[in-house]
């Protein structure tokens, strides 16, 4: 019985990996990225916030800050408790770098569409990063031409030609978003 379950699990993982390879864009494809939408659990940090203590990844915190300084805006689409996620991101000193977050136990494809519409952007200029293939596929279903990636892209994202942005060391783009959306930090 155990070997059959293990084999089935391995086959499912292999199938997921094949779907992932076919779904995710390459680092040379796509137009310039103006908005990065992050998943939180097992993507922005290690662990699942609702189940255990998470482990922050300092390089990703710095990545969000660097993208912001390049004029690339960051947002969140995560299946989590809003208040708990917000509290953790405040503790990490990164909450103010995220605009239009959608943190709720709802379908990610719809939440991403809401973020893109509120941002007044087109899906091809948005990158969604998530560790689950099904979330990536759902996001693409609701948002055709959305750029997708798994967490493995994060270490090379700053070198990606799509993420060069335009210098914004004063974070004027984020300030502009906050001025247009003063209630962005409320639960969605």
C-alpha atoms as a PDB file:
ATOM      1  CA  UNK A   1       0.000   0.000   0.000  1.00  0.00           C
ATOM      2  CA  UNK A   2       2.725   2.498   0.892  1.00  0.00           C
ATOM      3  CA  UNK A   3       4.620   1.908  -2.360  1.00  0.00           C
ATOM      4  CA  UNK A   4       1.462   2.494  -4.426  1.00  0.00           C
ATOM      5  CA  UNK A   5       0.748   5.759  -2.588  1.00  0.00           C
ATOM      6  CA  UNK A   6       4.350   6.837  -3.058  1.00  0.00           C
ATOM      7  CA  UNK A   7       4.258   5.963  -6.750  1.00  0.00           C
ATOM      8  CA  UNK A   8       0.996   7.867  -7.208  1.00  0.00           C
ATOM      9  CA  UNK A   9       2.493  10.857  -5.406  1.00  0.00           C
ATOM     10  CA  UNK A  10       5.613  10.758  -7.576  1.00  0.00           C
ATOM     11  CA  UNK A  11       3.511  10.509 -10.737  1.00  0.00           C
ATOM     12  CA  UNK A  12       1.393  13.477  -9.617  1.00  0.00           C
ATOM     13  CA  UNK A  13       4.503  15.513  -8.841  1.00  0.00           C
ATOM     14  CA  UNK A  14       5.978  14.648 -12.232  1.00  0.00           C
ATOM     15  CA  UNK A  15       2.723  15.637 -13.957  1.00  0.00           C
ATOM     16  CA  UNK A  16       2.612  18.901 -11.991  1.00  0.00           C
ATOM     17  CA  UNK A  17       6.215  19.609 -12.974  1.00  0.00           C
ATOM     18  CA  UNK A  18       5.395  19.025 -16.659  1.00  0.00           C
ATOM     19  CA  UNK A  19       2.376  21.346 -16.431  1.00  0.00           C
ATOM     20  CA  UNK A  20       4.517  23.911 -14.644  1.00  0.00           C
ATOM     21  CA  UNK A  21       7.170  23.759 -17.382  1.00  0.00           C
ATOM     22  CA  UNK A  22       4.499  24.339 -20.023  1.00  0.00           C
ATOM     23  CA  UNK A  23       2.771  27.151 -18.093  1.00  0.00           C
ATOM     24  CA  UNK A  24       5.587  29.352 -16.850  1.00  0.00           C
ATOM     25  CA  UNK A  25       7.106  31.983 -19.111  1.00  0.00           C
ATOM     26  CA  UNK A  26      10.819  32.099 -19.713  1.00  0.00           C
ATOM     27  CA  UNK A  27      13.000  34.977 -18.592  1.00  0.00           C
ATOM     28  CA  UNK A  28      13.355  36.245 -22.178  1.00  0.00           C
ATOM     29  CA  UNK A  29       9.647  36.255 -23.058  1.00  0.00           C
ATOM     30  CA  UNK A  30       7.073  38.909 -22.304  1.00  0.00           C
ATOM     31  CA  UNK A  31       6.940  42.664 -22.091  1.00  0.00           C
ATOM     32  CA  UNK A  32       8.367  44.927 -19.405  1.00  0.00           C
ATOM     33  CA  UNK A  33       7.014  44.137 -15.955  1.00  0.00           C
ATOM     34  CA  UNK A  34       5.304  47.016 -14.182  1.00  0.00           C
ATOM     35  CA  UNK A  35       3.730  45.009 -11.334  1.00  0.00           C
ATOM     36  CA  UNK A  36       4.836  41.858  -9.501  1.00  0.00           C
ATOM     37  CA  UNK A  37       2.125  39.985  -7.604  1.00  0.00           C
ATOM     38  CA  UNK A  38       3.506  37.732  -4.881  1.00  0.00           C
ATOM     39  CA  UNK A  39       2.075  34.646  -3.222  1.00  0.00           C
ATOM     40  CA  UNK A  40       3.199  34.505   0.418  1.00  0.00           C
ATOM     41  CA  UNK A  41       3.311  30.913   1.741  1.00  0.00           C
ATOM     42  CA  UNK A  42       6.256  28.922   0.346  1.00  0.00           C
ATOM     43  CA  UNK A  43       6.994  31.767  -2.069  1.00  0.00           C
ATOM     44  CA  UNK A  44       7.732  35.048  -0.262  1.00  0.00           C
ATOM     45  CA  UNK A  45       8.549  33.161   2.938  1.00  0.00           C
ATOM     46  CA  UNK A  46       9.077  29.550   3.943  1.00  0.00           C
ATOM     47  CA  UNK A  47       6.184  27.831   5.682  1.00  0.00           C
ATOM     48  CA  UNK A  48       2.457  28.331   5.850  1.00  0.00           C
ATOM     49  CA  UNK A  49       1.357  31.238   8.016  1.00  0.00           C
ATOM     50  CA  UNK A  50      -1.915  29.666   9.175  1.00  0.00           C
ATOM     51  CA  UNK A  51      -0.261  26.387  10.194  1.00  0.00           C
ATOM     52  CA  UNK A  52       3.088  27.288  11.711  1.00  0.00           C
ATOM     53  CA  UNK A  53       5.628  29.997  12.248  1.00  0.00           C
ATOM     54  CA  UNK A  54       7.035  31.171   8.942  1.00  0.00           C
ATOM     55  CA  UNK A  55      10.693  31.759   8.111  1.00  0.00           C
ATOM     56  CA  UNK A  56      11.355  35.046   6.337  1.00  0.00           C
ATOM     57  CA  UNK A  57      13.722  35.094   3.364  1.00  0.00           C
ATOM     58  CA  UNK A  58      15.757  38.309   3.737  1.00  0.00           C
ATOM     59  CA  UNK A  59      16.813  38.271   0.070  1.00  0.00           C
ATOM     60  CA  UNK A  60      13.149  38.468  -0.993  1.00  0.00           C
ATOM     61  CA  UNK A  61      12.467  41.375   1.339  1.00  0.00           C
ATOM     62  CA  UNK A  62      15.377  43.196  -0.292  1.00  0.00           C
ATOM     63  CA  UNK A  63      14.126  42.124  -3.719  1.00  0.00           C
ATOM     64  CA  UNK A  64      10.776  43.843  -3.098  1.00  0.00           C
ATOM     65  CA  UNK A  65      12.587  47.013  -2.008  1.00  0.00           C
ATOM     66  CA  UNK A  66      14.903  46.925  -5.036  1.00  0.00           C
ATOM     67  CA  UNK A  67      12.031  46.369  -7.465  1.00  0.00           C
ATOM     68  CA  UNK A  68      10.238  49.322  -5.865  1.00  0.00           C
ATOM     69  CA  UNK A  69      13.352  51.491  -6.312  1.00  0.00           C
ATOM     70  CA  UNK A  70      13.245  50.520  -9.993  1.00  0.00           C
ATOM     71  CA  UNK A  71       9.669  51.761 -10.249  1.00  0.00           C
ATOM     72  CA  UNK A  72       8.198  48.255 -10.356  1.00  0.00           C
ATOM     73  CA  UNK A  73       5.231  48.000  -8.022  1.00  0.00           C
ATOM     74  CA  UNK A  74       4.617  44.947  -5.805  1.00  0.00           C
ATOM     75  CA  UNK A  75       1.313  43.467  -4.691  1.00  0.00           C
ATOM     76  CA  UNK A  76       0.123  40.310  -2.930  1.00  0.00           C
ATOM     77  CA  UNK A  77      -2.369  37.611  -3.842  1.00  0.00           C
ATOM     78  CA  UNK A  78      -2.445  35.050  -1.050  1.00  0.00           C
ATOM     79  CA  UNK A  79      -4.869  32.639   0.559  1.00  0.00           C
ATOM     80  CA  UNK A  80      -4.353  33.738   4.132  1.00  0.00           C
ATOM     81  CA  UNK A  81      -5.933  35.616   7.002  1.00  0.00           C
ATOM     82  CA  UNK A  82      -5.538  39.297   6.081  1.00  0.00           C
ATOM     83  CA  UNK A  83      -4.814  40.613   9.593  1.00  0.00           C
ATOM     84  CA  UNK A  84      -2.288  37.884  10.377  1.00  0.00           C
ATOM     85  CA  UNK A  85      -0.426  38.352   7.070  1.00  0.00           C
ATOM     86  CA  UNK A  86      -0.471  42.124   7.440  1.00  0.00           C
ATOM     87  CA  UNK A  87       0.919  41.862  10.978  1.00  0.00           C
ATOM     88  CA  UNK A  88       3.739  39.577   9.822  1.00  0.00           C
ATOM     89  CA  UNK A  89       4.640  41.842   6.884  1.00  0.00           C
ATOM     90  CA  UNK A  90       4.687  44.872   9.204  1.00  0.00           C
ATOM     91  CA  UNK A  91       7.032  42.988  11.549  1.00  0.00           C
ATOM     92  CA  UNK A  92       9.287  42.264   8.566  1.00  0.00           C
ATOM     93  CA  UNK A  93       9.318  45.968   7.658  1.00  0.00           C
ATOM     94  CA  UNK A  94       7.959  45.414   4.155  1.00  0.00           C
ATOM     95  CA  UNK A  95       4.174  46.006   4.356  1.00  0.00           C
ATOM     96  CA  UNK A  96       4.398  49.553   2.997  1.00  0.00           C
ATOM     97  CA  UNK A  97       6.023  48.261  -0.210  1.00  0.00           C
ATOM     98  CA  UNK A  98       2.902  46.325  -1.266  1.00  0.00           C
ATOM     99  CA  UNK A  99      -0.070  48.004  -2.919  1.00  0.00           C
ATOM    100  CA  UNK A 100      -3.570  46.664  -3.555  1.00  0.00           C
ATOM    101  CA  UNK A 101      -3.028  43.397  -1.650  1.00  0.00           C
ATOM    102  CA  UNK A 102      -5.658  40.694  -1.958  1.00  0.00           C
ATOM    103  CA  UNK A 103      -5.251  38.415   1.042  1.00  0.00           C
ATOM    104  CA  UNK A 104      -8.298  36.204   1.517  1.00  0.00           C
ATOM    105  CA  UNK A 105      -9.455  32.629   1.183  1.00  0.00           C
ATOM    106  CA  UNK A 106     -10.823  33.056  -2.323  1.00  0.00           C
ATOM    107  CA  UNK A 107      -9.970  32.141  -5.906  1.00  0.00           C
ATOM    108  CA  UNK A 108      -6.621  33.638  -6.859  1.00  0.00           C
ATOM    109  CA  UNK A 109      -7.515  34.135 -10.511  1.00  0.00           C
ATOM    110  CA  UNK A 110     -10.335  36.496  -9.571  1.00  0.00           C
ATOM    111  CA  UNK A 111      -8.257  38.308  -6.949  1.00  0.00           C
ATOM    112  CA  UNK A 112      -5.458  38.861  -9.470  1.00  0.00           C
ATOM    113  CA  UNK A 113      -7.953  40.238 -11.986  1.00  0.00           C
ATOM    114  CA  UNK A 114      -9.141  42.688  -9.306  1.00  0.00           C
ATOM    115  CA  UNK A 115      -5.567  43.819  -8.620  1.00  0.00           C
ATOM    116  CA  UNK A 116      -4.835  44.326 -12.324  1.00  0.00           C
ATOM    117  CA  UNK A 117      -8.080  46.272 -12.855  1.00  0.00           C
ATOM    118  CA  UNK A 118      -7.506  48.470  -9.790  1.00  0.00           C
ATOM    119  CA  UNK A 119      -3.934  49.103 -10.944  1.00  0.00           C
ATOM    120  CA  UNK A 120      -5.245  50.057 -14.380  1.00  0.00           C
ATOM    121  CA  UNK A 121      -2.689  47.811 -16.061  1.00  0.00           C
ATOM    122  CA  UNK A 122      -2.820  45.137 -18.713  1.00  0.00           C
ATOM    123  CA  UNK A 123      -2.092  41.507 -17.778  1.00  0.00           C
ATOM    124  CA  UNK A 124       0.974  41.226 -20.091  1.00  0.00           C
ATOM    125  CA  UNK A 125       2.808  43.814 -17.958  1.00  0.00           C
ATOM    126  CA  UNK A 126       2.132  41.907 -14.729  1.00  0.00           C
ATOM    127  CA  UNK A 127       4.122  38.984 -13.265  1.00  0.00           C
ATOM    128  CA  UNK A 128       2.459  36.585 -10.801  1.00  0.00           C
ATOM    129  CA  UNK A 129       4.775  34.399  -8.699  1.00  0.00           C
ATOM    130  CA  UNK A 130       3.358  31.332  -6.922  1.00  0.00           C
ATOM    131  CA  UNK A 131       4.657  27.921  -5.894  1.00  0.00           C
ATOM    132  CA  UNK A 132       1.504  25.988  -6.913  1.00  0.00           C
ATOM    133  CA  UNK A 133       0.966  25.070 -10.551  1.00  0.00           C
ATOM    134  CA  UNK A 134      -2.816  25.058 -10.209  1.00  0.00           C
ATOM    135  CA  UNK A 135      -2.771  28.637  -8.888  1.00  0.00           C
ATOM    136  CA  UNK A 136      -0.655  29.671 -11.871  1.00  0.00           C
ATOM    137  CA  UNK A 137      -3.037  27.961 -14.292  1.00  0.00           C
ATOM    138  CA  UNK A 138      -6.082  29.513 -12.612  1.00  0.00           C
ATOM    139  CA  UNK A 139      -4.455  32.949 -12.739  1.00  0.00           C
ATOM    140  CA  UNK A 140      -3.763  32.550 -16.454  1.00  0.00           C
ATOM    141  CA  UNK A 141      -7.325  31.351 -17.104  1.00  0.00           C
ATOM    142  CA  UNK A 142      -8.797  34.520 -15.585  1.00  0.00           C
ATOM    143  CA  UNK A 143      -6.029  36.788 -16.876  1.00  0.00           C
ATOM    144  CA  UNK A 144      -4.891  35.755 -20.370  1.00  0.00           C
ATOM    145  CA  UNK A 145      -1.342  36.856 -21.243  1.00  0.00           C
ATOM    146  CA  UNK A 146      -0.415  37.265 -17.555  1.00  0.00           C
ATOM    147  CA  UNK A 147       3.269  36.516 -17.036  1.00  0.00           C
ATOM    148  CA  UNK A 148       3.825  33.633 -14.599  1.00  0.00           C
ATOM    149  CA  UNK A 149       6.723  32.192 -12.650  1.00  0.00           C
ATOM    150  CA  UNK A 150       7.526  29.900  -9.770  1.00  0.00           C
ATOM    151  CA  UNK A 151       9.710  30.972  -6.842  1.00  0.00           C
ATOM    152  CA  UNK A 152      12.790  29.657  -8.636  1.00  0.00           C
ATOM    153  CA  UNK A 153      12.813  32.855 -10.735  1.00  0.00           C
ATOM    154  CA  UNK A 154      13.333  35.070  -7.695  1.00  0.00           C
ATOM    155  CA  UNK A 155      17.099  34.700  -7.408  1.00  0.00           C
ATOM    156  CA  UNK A 156      17.588  35.929 -10.986  1.00  0.00           C
ATOM    157  CA  UNK A 157      14.677  38.377 -11.229  1.00  0.00           C
ATOM    158  CA  UNK A 158      16.820  41.502 -10.894  1.00  0.00           C
ATOM    159  CA  UNK A 159      18.896  40.371 -13.884  1.00  0.00           C
ATOM    160  CA  UNK A 160      15.808  39.699 -15.999  1.00  0.00           C
ATOM    161  CA  UNK A 161      15.570  42.253 -18.835  1.00  0.00           C
ATOM    162  CA  UNK A 162      11.819  42.615 -18.150  1.00  0.00           C
ATOM    163  CA  UNK A 163      12.540  43.912 -14.630  1.00  0.00           C
ATOM    164  CA  UNK A 164      14.917  46.769 -15.296  1.00  0.00           C
ATOM    165  CA  UNK A 165      12.224  49.393 -14.693  1.00  0.00           C
ATOM    166  CA  UNK A 166      13.041  53.079 -14.328  1.00  0.00           C
ATOM    167  CA  UNK A 167      14.844  54.539 -11.313  1.00  0.00           C
ATOM    168  CA  UNK A 168      12.439  55.577  -8.555  1.00  0.00           C
ATOM    169  CA  UNK A 169      14.590  55.819  -5.436  1.00  0.00           C
ATOM    170  CA  UNK A 170      12.112  58.234  -3.845  1.00  0.00           C
ATOM    171  CA  UNK A 171       9.394  55.581  -4.307  1.00  0.00           C
ATOM    172  CA  UNK A 172       7.130  58.118  -6.012  1.00  0.00           C
ATOM    173  CA  UNK A 173       5.269  55.369  -7.864  1.00  0.00           C
ATOM    174  CA  UNK A 174       4.250  53.676  -4.580  1.00  0.00           C
ATOM    175  CA  UNK A 175       3.305  57.064  -3.087  1.00  0.00           C
ATOM    176  CA  UNK A 176       1.154  57.748  -6.138  1.00  0.00           C
ATOM    177  CA  UNK A 177      -0.618  54.428  -5.729  1.00  0.00           C
ATOM    178  CA  UNK A 178      -1.238  55.140  -2.075  1.00  0.00           C
ATOM    179  CA  UNK A 179      -2.677  58.562  -2.900  1.00  0.00           C
ATOM    180  CA  UNK A 180      -5.063  57.049  -5.462  1.00  0.00           C
ATOM    181  CA  UNK A 181      -5.991  54.111  -3.195  1.00  0.00           C
ATOM    182  CA  UNK A 182      -5.894  55.429   0.409  1.00  0.00           C
ATOM    183  CA  UNK A 183      -7.680  52.359   1.778  1.00  0.00           C
ATOM    184  CA  UNK A 184      -5.374  49.817   0.157  1.00  0.00           C
ATOM    185  CA  UNK A 185      -4.406  48.328   3.500  1.00  0.00           C
ATOM    186  CA  UNK A 186      -7.941  47.254   4.386  1.00  0.00           C
ATOM    187  CA  UNK A 187      -9.133  43.687   3.996  1.00  0.00           C
ATOM    188  CA  UNK A 188     -10.371  42.850   0.528  1.00  0.00           C
END
